[in-house]
Every structure is written in C-alpha cells, then in structure tokens.
C-alpha cells in the first residue's frame, strides 16, 4: 500500500497547490471578469493543447513500458510539429470566436500554455513508462502550481496588487514551461537508458512513425479535454466573462472530488498494457478492484465534505462566487458518477481499439454541446453544468460497456460487490 499512499499524498498536495493557485489568481484579479477571461483562455488552451500533445503522452508510456527505445530527435520533432499545429488552431479559433483575444500577447500567452503542456505531459509519460510514476506526477502536478504560487508570491512582494486576464495567462504559461524543463532534467537523470542512438525500425526512432502511432491516441484522447472545457467555451459565447468565472470556480472546487480516482489511476498506466498483452484477466481485475477500493476510500469523504461545505469553498475565491453553488452541485453529481465508473478512460486507452473510444467521445461531446447550447441561454451556468453532467456520464457508461465486453473485467465500483467479476483462472 506504500505506492498508493505515496500517490494519494502526491495528488493531495498537487490538488491543494492547484486549488490554492486558482484562489490566489482570483483574489489578485482586478475583477471577476478578469478571472473569467483567464478561465476562458485556459479552457481554449486545454482543448487545443490536446492537439499539441498529439497523443504522445499515451504512445510514449506504452512504448517505454513494453520495452521499446526512443530517439530524442524523433520525440522533439514530433512535439514541435504538434505544437505548431496547435498554435495555428488557437489563432484560427480566436479569430472566429474571440476577436478581443486576437493579439500577439494573447496568442503568445495561450501558446506558452499549449507548448508547456505538450512537453511536460510527454516527458512525464516517459518517466511513467520506466515506473517513475510518483516522481513524474510530483513534478508535473505539484511543481507546476508551486511554481505559479512562487511567482505570484514574488509579484506581491514586489508590490503587485492586481492582475488582468492576460497577465494570469502569461504566468500560467511560464509555470508550464518551467515544469517541462524540470521533467526534462528528470529524463536526463533517470531515463537516459531508454534513448537510442542511430535510427532503425523502432517506432520511437522516427518522427513520422511516432506521430502515426500517436494519432489514434490523439483521437481517443479528445474526450476528457473536450468534456472538461467545451462547456466553459459555450458559456463564454452566451454569457459574460463574470459568469464564466463563477462556473470555473465551481469546476475547480469539484475537481477535488476526483482526487482518489486520479491518484491511484496514475499507478495503472505502466501496468495495464502488459497484463492485457499477457491476457491475464485475473490479475487485471484484481488490480482494478484494489484501485477502486482506494479510490472510494479517498473520494467518498471528499464528496460528502463538498456537499456540506462547497459553498464556503467557493467563497474562498471571493464572496460573489457563492452564486455559482447550484451549478457546482450539478457538477458534483457528475463527478460522483465519474468516480464510481473507475479509470475507464485509462483502461480503454491502453487496451481497446481506439475507434471505440473515439466513437464514445464523439457521442458524449455532441450531447454535451447540444444540451449546453439549449440550456445555457435559459438556465445560465447551471445549463452548462447540466450539459457537462450528461456528456461525462454518457462517456463513462459507453466506455464501461466496451471494457466489460472486450476484456471481461469491470473497473467500476460494482466490481467491489460480493460475487461480482471473480478473477479468471
């Protein structure tokens, strides 16, 4: 259980640091509108950052965990190509949907977040592949918000009194880039043995082959970034940035409830693919049951606490944020279903044909978008929360059905019931 304890502690510290950094940003914001503008830009970076990663985080952890070697030039070239495409997408989107952000400063700030995210997630994936999971997550999830808080603290010490949305985005982007550099240093120290010299037929040795291998993961990985950000982008199209700020604060609070799922899930990434390859369903089911037990032990008390104290947690962002509590409750219900479903996205990504994940993602995101577009103009931010709940629940249930059919294992909380999914011989 030591690995689980370390993962939970790491994720707990990272969640607290990330939450604290957003509270600090909202408190330093010149107005609620400024935090809303920043949150909109962050969601845009979250969606197009998916293109910047290009599925490399999934393909690299899979390659390394299965014993393949990588070539540094191939990884760097693949990342550069994906980042250029993503930044072009950022420019095209703001030219259509947010003309007020069509400035070199805004494009540069969002690009910093996108590039930093792509590099840091890819480097962390390599470390996970060599079973340096807790270390990589500590740098990725704790280091990034800690660097941001350090920057904010330094600014306050030098007389900083308020920030606009652009300044927040620039600070956020700088923390992402610095985190990527820390992870790169980790690769030099711990992972130098998996990097090869001259190129050969290995998929990790040529940029084109690496991008081809990663593209299915790009498509299947669309779901979570889209489900986490499309609702905010839709709210930003219909409502003022102040409402975006209220909704985004609710999202930050509710994300704490998934800490158990995320904490233990990071330990699975390097262990699932070998078990699937060996067709060891019994060990895979045992591992999933064990992870779900720890997940519920961590997340259930957090969900209960948020039901009781959620409004007070919102007030940490500012008293005006209490108005987002009804929408936060809807988001909390969606997160509860997400936790009970288990690490379905991770299991599916590492073991199922990617087309089934892509189809589930398309259905879920379309439902989210349709419900949000219909509900937001009449229900406000609660309509966005309703769309998010419908989309996330649909995605989880579709993946759960696919996993049960293909692998004959159950990653959900139902597997903990007596007599359910006994390990296969």
Foldseek 3Di string as FASTA:
>chain_A
DVLLVLLLVLLVLLLVLVLVLLLLQLQQAPDLLQSLLLLLLVLLLLQLLLQLLLQLLQVLLLQLLVPAFAAVVLVVVLNVVSLVVSLVVVLVVCVPQPVVQNDPLNSVLSSLQSSLSNLLSNLQSNCVSVVVLSVSSSLVRNQLSVQLVVVSVVCVVVPRRHDGSSVSSNSSSVSSNVSSVVSVVVCVVPPPVRHDDAADDGLNYHNVSSSVSRNLSSLLVSQPSLLLRVLLNLLVRQDRSSLSSLLVLLSSLLVQLQSLLVSLVSNCLSPQLVCLVVLQQQVVQVSLQVSLVSSCVRRVVSLVCCVVCVLVSLCSSPNVSSVSVVLSVLLNVLVVLVSQLGPLSSNCSSHPRSVLSSVQRVVLSVQLVVQLNVQCNPPNSSSNSNSSSSSSNSSSVSSQVVCCVPSVHGSGNVCNDPPRSRRDD
